[in-house]
Amino acid sequence: MLKKLLVMAVSGGLLLSALPSFAEDDLNEFRSQLNNEWQLVKNDRMRSLKTYARLEDGKRYRSFKVEAVLDAPVEAVARVLLDFDQYTRWFWKTRESKLIRQGSPTEYYVYMVHDAPYGLPDRDTVIKGTIEPQTKNKRHVTLKVTAIPNMLPEKPPLVRMVAEEFNIKFTPIADNKVEMTTEGYFDPGGVVPAWAANFVQRSAPYAVMLALQRMTEKDEYLKAKTPLPFPIYNFNDLK
């Protein structure tokens, strides 16, 4: 009996040590009742980065919003966002990403595989992206992303994500800086504990924005001379 209790205690300790550690404000935020209004989750003043969360009617999990100012020219930001085969280098828990089809000069389809938290099946997704270029009357570029779950056959044991939605607006401002606002939501599909999905929803937006900033500082994007793979300017409208 004593041996059994010792095994249970050790196992419990290992389980607790494997769980993410939270500061008190993290726990309070997890306990709080979100509603349809955006609530501030993190305010990183040093990096000019804020993240928000809300729980919208009819959705299983929380939505997120990120507001940030990146120290990079708009072309470098666009090159990172549109270099889909390299998402494994910086996007949250992505182990596979590839462009599968270009529907038009401003429309594309990408297949991605995401690592899931321990003990859960990994997820895959097919997303459609649409670019709304800058014009003379609209200084920002908009990148809209939505999941198309039935575009490709499912690939068990991967679980196809039900939703992966992003609306990214990036605006060039003075001194080679870009103001970005991203609103998004994902539903991983299948059975996922709410705490696991909400932890990702809370942590991923901040981590992704930091990683995006680091990628824009690389010479391959910052000093690239090749044409952008997809247009971010509508030159006819800019005349």
Protein backbone atom coordinates (compact mmCIF):
# COMPACT_ATOMS: atom_id res chain seq x y z
CA MET A 1 0.00 0.00 0.00
CA LEU A 2 2.81 2.39 0.93
CA LYS A 3 4.56 1.65 -2.35
CA LYS A 4 1.37 2.43 -4.25
CA LEU A 5 0.97 5.77 -2.45
CA LEU A 6 4.57 6.69 -3.22
CA VAL A 7 4.07 5.94 -6.92
CA MET A 8 0.92 8.06 -6.97
CA ALA A 9 2.70 10.95 -5.25
CA VAL A 10 5.65 10.87 -7.64
CA SER A 11 3.33 10.60 -10.65
CA GLY A 12 1.29 13.52 -9.41
CA GLY A 13 4.42 15.61 -8.91
CA LEU A 14 5.60 14.88 -12.42
CA LEU A 15 2.21 15.82 -13.83
CA LEU A 16 2.16 19.11 -11.97
CA SER A 17 5.69 19.93 -13.05
CA ALA A 18 4.71 19.37 -16.68
CA LEU A 19 1.83 21.85 -16.54
CA PRO A 20 2.47 25.49 -17.46
CA SER A 21 3.30 27.69 -14.47
CA PHE A 22 1.09 30.74 -14.04
CA ALA A 23 1.59 33.97 -12.18
CA GLU A 24 -1.31 35.10 -9.97
CA ASP A 25 -2.55 37.56 -12.61
CA ASP A 26 -2.55 34.71 -15.15
CA LEU A 27 -4.76 32.62 -12.88
CA ASN A 28 -7.09 35.52 -12.23
CA GLU A 29 -7.40 36.13 -15.96
CA PHE A 30 -8.22 32.46 -16.54
CA ARG A 31 -10.90 32.60 -13.84
CA SER A 32 -12.48 35.82 -15.16
CA GLN A 33 -15.71 35.66 -17.09
CA LEU A 34 -15.06 37.00 -20.57
CA ASN A 35 -17.86 38.62 -22.55
CA ASN A 36 -18.30 40.22 -25.96
CA GLU A 37 -16.11 43.20 -25.01
CA TRP A 38 -12.35 43.08 -25.57
CA GLN A 39 -10.45 42.67 -22.29
CA LEU A 40 -6.77 43.51 -22.01
CA VAL A 41 -4.64 40.40 -21.43
CA LYS A 42 -1.09 41.70 -21.78
CA ASN A 43 0.40 45.19 -22.15
CA ASP A 44 4.08 45.10 -23.13
CA ARG A 45 4.92 48.80 -23.18
CA MET A 46 8.57 48.21 -23.99
CA ARG A 47 7.64 46.44 -27.25
CA SER A 48 4.50 48.51 -28.00
CA LEU A 49 2.46 45.31 -27.92
CA LYS A 50 -0.99 44.69 -26.45
CA THR A 51 -3.12 41.54 -26.55
CA TYR A 52 -6.82 41.21 -25.81
CA ALA A 53 -9.41 38.44 -25.48
CA ARG A 54 -13.18 38.12 -25.59
CA LEU A 55 -15.76 35.35 -25.73
CA GLU A 56 -18.20 35.85 -28.59
CA ASP A 57 -21.70 34.42 -28.76
CA GLY A 58 -21.87 31.06 -30.50
CA LYS A 59 -18.14 30.28 -30.24
CA ARG A 60 -16.59 27.53 -28.14
CA TYR A 61 -13.39 29.37 -27.37
CA ARG A 62 -12.15 32.91 -26.88
CA SER A 63 -11.20 35.24 -29.71
CA PHE A 64 -8.06 37.35 -29.59
CA LYS A 65 -6.78 40.71 -30.76
CA VAL A 66 -3.22 42.04 -31.01
CA GLU A 67 -2.13 45.65 -31.41
CA ALA A 68 1.55 46.25 -32.12
CA VAL A 69 4.08 48.55 -33.72
CA LEU A 70 6.88 46.70 -35.52
CA ASP A 71 10.29 48.21 -36.24
CA ALA A 72 10.38 47.19 -39.89
CA PRO A 73 9.41 48.48 -43.34
CA VAL A 74 6.07 47.28 -44.62
CA GLU A 75 7.72 45.27 -47.42
CA ALA A 76 9.71 43.19 -44.89
CA VAL A 77 6.56 42.45 -42.89
CA ALA A 78 4.73 41.43 -46.05
CA ARG A 79 7.58 39.16 -47.17
CA VAL A 80 7.51 37.26 -43.88
CA LEU A 81 3.73 36.93 -43.84
CA LEU A 82 3.65 35.75 -47.47
CA ASP A 83 6.57 33.30 -47.23
CA PHE A 84 4.35 30.38 -46.31
CA ASP A 85 6.94 27.62 -46.61
CA GLN A 86 8.94 29.28 -43.81
CA TYR A 87 6.16 29.47 -41.22
CA THR A 88 7.78 26.53 -39.45
CA ARG A 89 10.54 28.93 -38.39
CA TRP A 90 8.34 31.31 -36.44
CA PHE A 91 4.58 30.68 -36.41
CA TRP A 92 3.12 29.10 -33.27
CA LYS A 93 3.75 25.31 -33.06
CA THR A 94 3.84 24.87 -36.85
CA ARG A 95 5.76 21.84 -38.13
CA GLU A 96 4.55 21.89 -41.74
CA SER A 97 3.42 24.73 -43.99
CA LYS A 98 3.21 24.93 -47.77
CA LEU A 99 1.46 26.87 -50.49
CA ILE A 100 -0.82 24.44 -52.33
CA ARG A 101 -2.56 26.74 -54.79
CA GLN A 102 -2.76 30.33 -55.94
CA GLY A 103 -6.32 31.22 -56.87
CA SER A 104 -5.55 34.70 -58.21
CA PRO A 105 -2.86 37.40 -57.83
CA THR A 106 -4.35 38.24 -54.40
CA GLU A 107 -5.68 34.83 -53.30
CA TYR A 108 -3.84 31.76 -52.04
CA TYR A 109 -4.40 28.42 -50.27
CA VAL A 110 -2.00 27.00 -47.68
CA TYR A 111 -1.82 23.66 -45.87
CA MET A 112 -0.45 23.68 -42.30
CA VAL A 113 0.17 21.18 -39.50
CA HIS A 114 0.27 22.34 -35.87
CA ASP A 115 1.72 20.53 -32.87
CA ALA A 116 -0.94 20.04 -30.19
CA PRO A 117 -0.36 20.08 -26.41
CA TYR A 118 0.97 16.81 -24.99
CA GLY A 119 -1.57 14.00 -25.03
CA LEU A 120 -3.73 15.49 -27.81
CA PRO A 121 -3.62 14.64 -31.55
CA ASP A 122 -1.80 17.15 -33.74
CA ARG A 123 -3.97 19.38 -35.90
CA ASP A 124 -3.91 20.28 -39.59
CA THR A 125 -5.71 23.00 -41.50
CA VAL A 126 -6.27 24.33 -44.98
CA ILE A 127 -6.55 28.10 -45.09
CA LYS A 128 -7.54 30.57 -47.76
CA GLY A 129 -5.84 33.96 -47.70
CA THR A 130 -7.02 37.09 -49.46
CA ILE A 131 -4.94 40.24 -49.77
CA GLU A 132 -6.49 43.68 -50.04
CA PRO A 133 -3.66 45.91 -51.32
CA GLN A 134 -2.93 49.48 -50.34
CA THR A 135 -4.56 52.19 -52.48
CA LYS A 136 -4.33 55.97 -52.57
CA ASN A 137 -7.42 56.17 -50.35
CA LYS A 138 -6.45 53.29 -48.03
CA ARG A 139 -2.95 53.29 -46.55
CA HIS A 140 -3.20 49.92 -44.86
CA VAL A 141 -2.87 46.44 -46.33
CA THR A 142 -5.35 43.81 -45.17
CA LEU A 143 -4.71 40.08 -45.07
CA LYS A 144 -7.82 37.99 -44.43
CA VAL A 145 -7.44 34.30 -43.61
CA THR A 146 -10.17 31.70 -43.20
CA ALA A 147 -10.16 27.91 -42.85
CA ILE A 148 -11.48 25.70 -45.66
CA PRO A 149 -11.71 22.35 -43.78
CA ASN A 150 -13.15 20.31 -46.67
CA MET A 151 -10.76 21.45 -49.38
CA LEU A 152 -8.46 18.44 -48.85
CA PRO A 153 -9.22 14.93 -47.55
CA GLU A 154 -8.52 14.49 -43.85
CA LYS A 155 -5.24 12.84 -42.87
CA PRO A 156 -5.69 10.76 -39.69
CA PRO A 157 -4.37 10.67 -37.05
CA LEU A 158 -4.29 14.45 -37.61
CA VAL A 159 -7.47 16.25 -36.60
CA ARG A 160 -8.71 18.85 -39.08
CA MET A 161 -9.23 22.26 -37.49
CA VAL A 162 -12.76 23.62 -37.75
CA ALA A 163 -11.74 27.26 -37.81
CA GLU A 164 -8.58 29.32 -38.16
CA GLU A 165 -9.57 32.91 -38.81
CA PHE A 166 -7.36 36.00 -38.98
CA ASN A 167 -7.91 39.56 -40.08
CA ILE A 168 -4.54 41.31 -40.23
CA LYS A 169 -4.28 45.02 -40.99
CA PHE A 170 -0.82 46.53 -41.32
CA THR A 171 -0.17 50.20 -41.98
CA PRO A 172 3.21 51.82 -42.77
CA ILE A 173 3.96 54.74 -40.47
CA ALA A 174 6.97 57.02 -40.04
CA ASP A 175 10.57 55.82 -39.67
CA ASN A 176 10.12 52.38 -41.24
CA LYS A 177 7.59 51.22 -38.70
CA VAL A 178 4.41 49.25 -39.23
CA GLU A 179 1.30 49.49 -37.12
CA MET A 180 -0.46 46.12 -36.96
CA THR A 181 -3.86 45.07 -35.70
CA THR A 182 -4.80 41.41 -35.81
CA GLU A 183 -8.11 39.89 -34.78
CA GLY A 184 -8.57 36.14 -34.87
CA TYR A 185 -10.16 32.96 -33.66
CA PHE A 186 -9.46 29.26 -33.97
CA ASP A 187 -11.38 26.11 -33.18
CA PRO A 188 -9.06 23.08 -33.09
CA GLY A 189 -11.89 20.61 -33.71
CA GLY A 190 -12.28 17.31 -31.91
CA VAL A 191 -12.16 17.07 -28.13
CA VAL A 192 -9.88 19.63 -26.46
CA PRO A 193 -10.01 20.71 -22.80
CA ALA A 194 -11.13 24.33 -22.61
CA TRP A 195 -8.09 25.25 -20.50
CA ALA A 196 -5.72 23.96 -23.20
CA ALA A 197 -7.45 25.83 -26.03
CA ASN A 198 -7.70 29.01 -23.97
CA PHE A 199 -4.05 28.78 -22.94
CA VAL A 200 -3.04 28.67 -26.60
CA GLN A 201 -5.44 31.51 -27.45
CA ARG A 202 -3.90 33.55 -24.66
CA SER A 203 -0.22 32.77 -25.28
CA ALA A 204 0.08 32.35 -29.05
CA PRO A 205 -0.78 35.90 -30.23
CA TYR A 206 1.94 37.47 -28.11
CA ALA A 207 4.54 34.84 -29.04
CA VAL A 208 3.70 35.06 -32.75
CA MET A 209 4.08 38.84 -32.81
CA LEU A 210 7.49 38.68 -31.12
CA ALA A 211 8.61 36.02 -33.59
CA LEU A 212 7.33 38.09 -36.52
CA GLN A 213 9.41 41.05 -35.35
CA ARG A 214 12.53 38.87 -35.21
CA MET A 215 11.91 37.51 -38.70
CA THR A 216 11.57 41.00 -40.22
CA GLU A 217 15.08 41.78 -38.97
CA LYS A 218 16.66 39.04 -41.08
CA ASP A 219 18.49 40.16 -44.23
CA GLU A 220 16.59 37.71 -46.41
CA TYR A 221 13.46 39.77 -45.79
CA LEU A 222 14.85 43.17 -44.87
CA LYS A 223 17.21 43.49 -47.84
CA ALA A 224 15.38 41.36 -50.42
CA LYS A 225 15.28 42.81 -53.95
CA THR A 226 13.06 40.22 -55.62
CA PRO A 227 9.42 41.10 -56.35
CA LEU A 228 6.92 40.37 -53.62
CA PRO A 229 5.20 36.99 -54.16
CA PHE A 230 1.77 38.66 -53.85
CA PRO A 231 0.94 42.34 -54.42
CA ILE A 232 0.46 44.64 -51.44
CA TYR A 233 0.08 47.79 -53.53
CA ASN A 234 -2.53 48.52 -56.17
CA PHE A 235 -0.37 50.69 -58.39
CA ASN A 236 -3.28 51.72 -60.63
CA ASP A 237 -5.08 53.15 -57.61
CA LEU A 238 -1.91 54.78 -56.30
CA LYS A 239 -1.51 56.93 -59.44
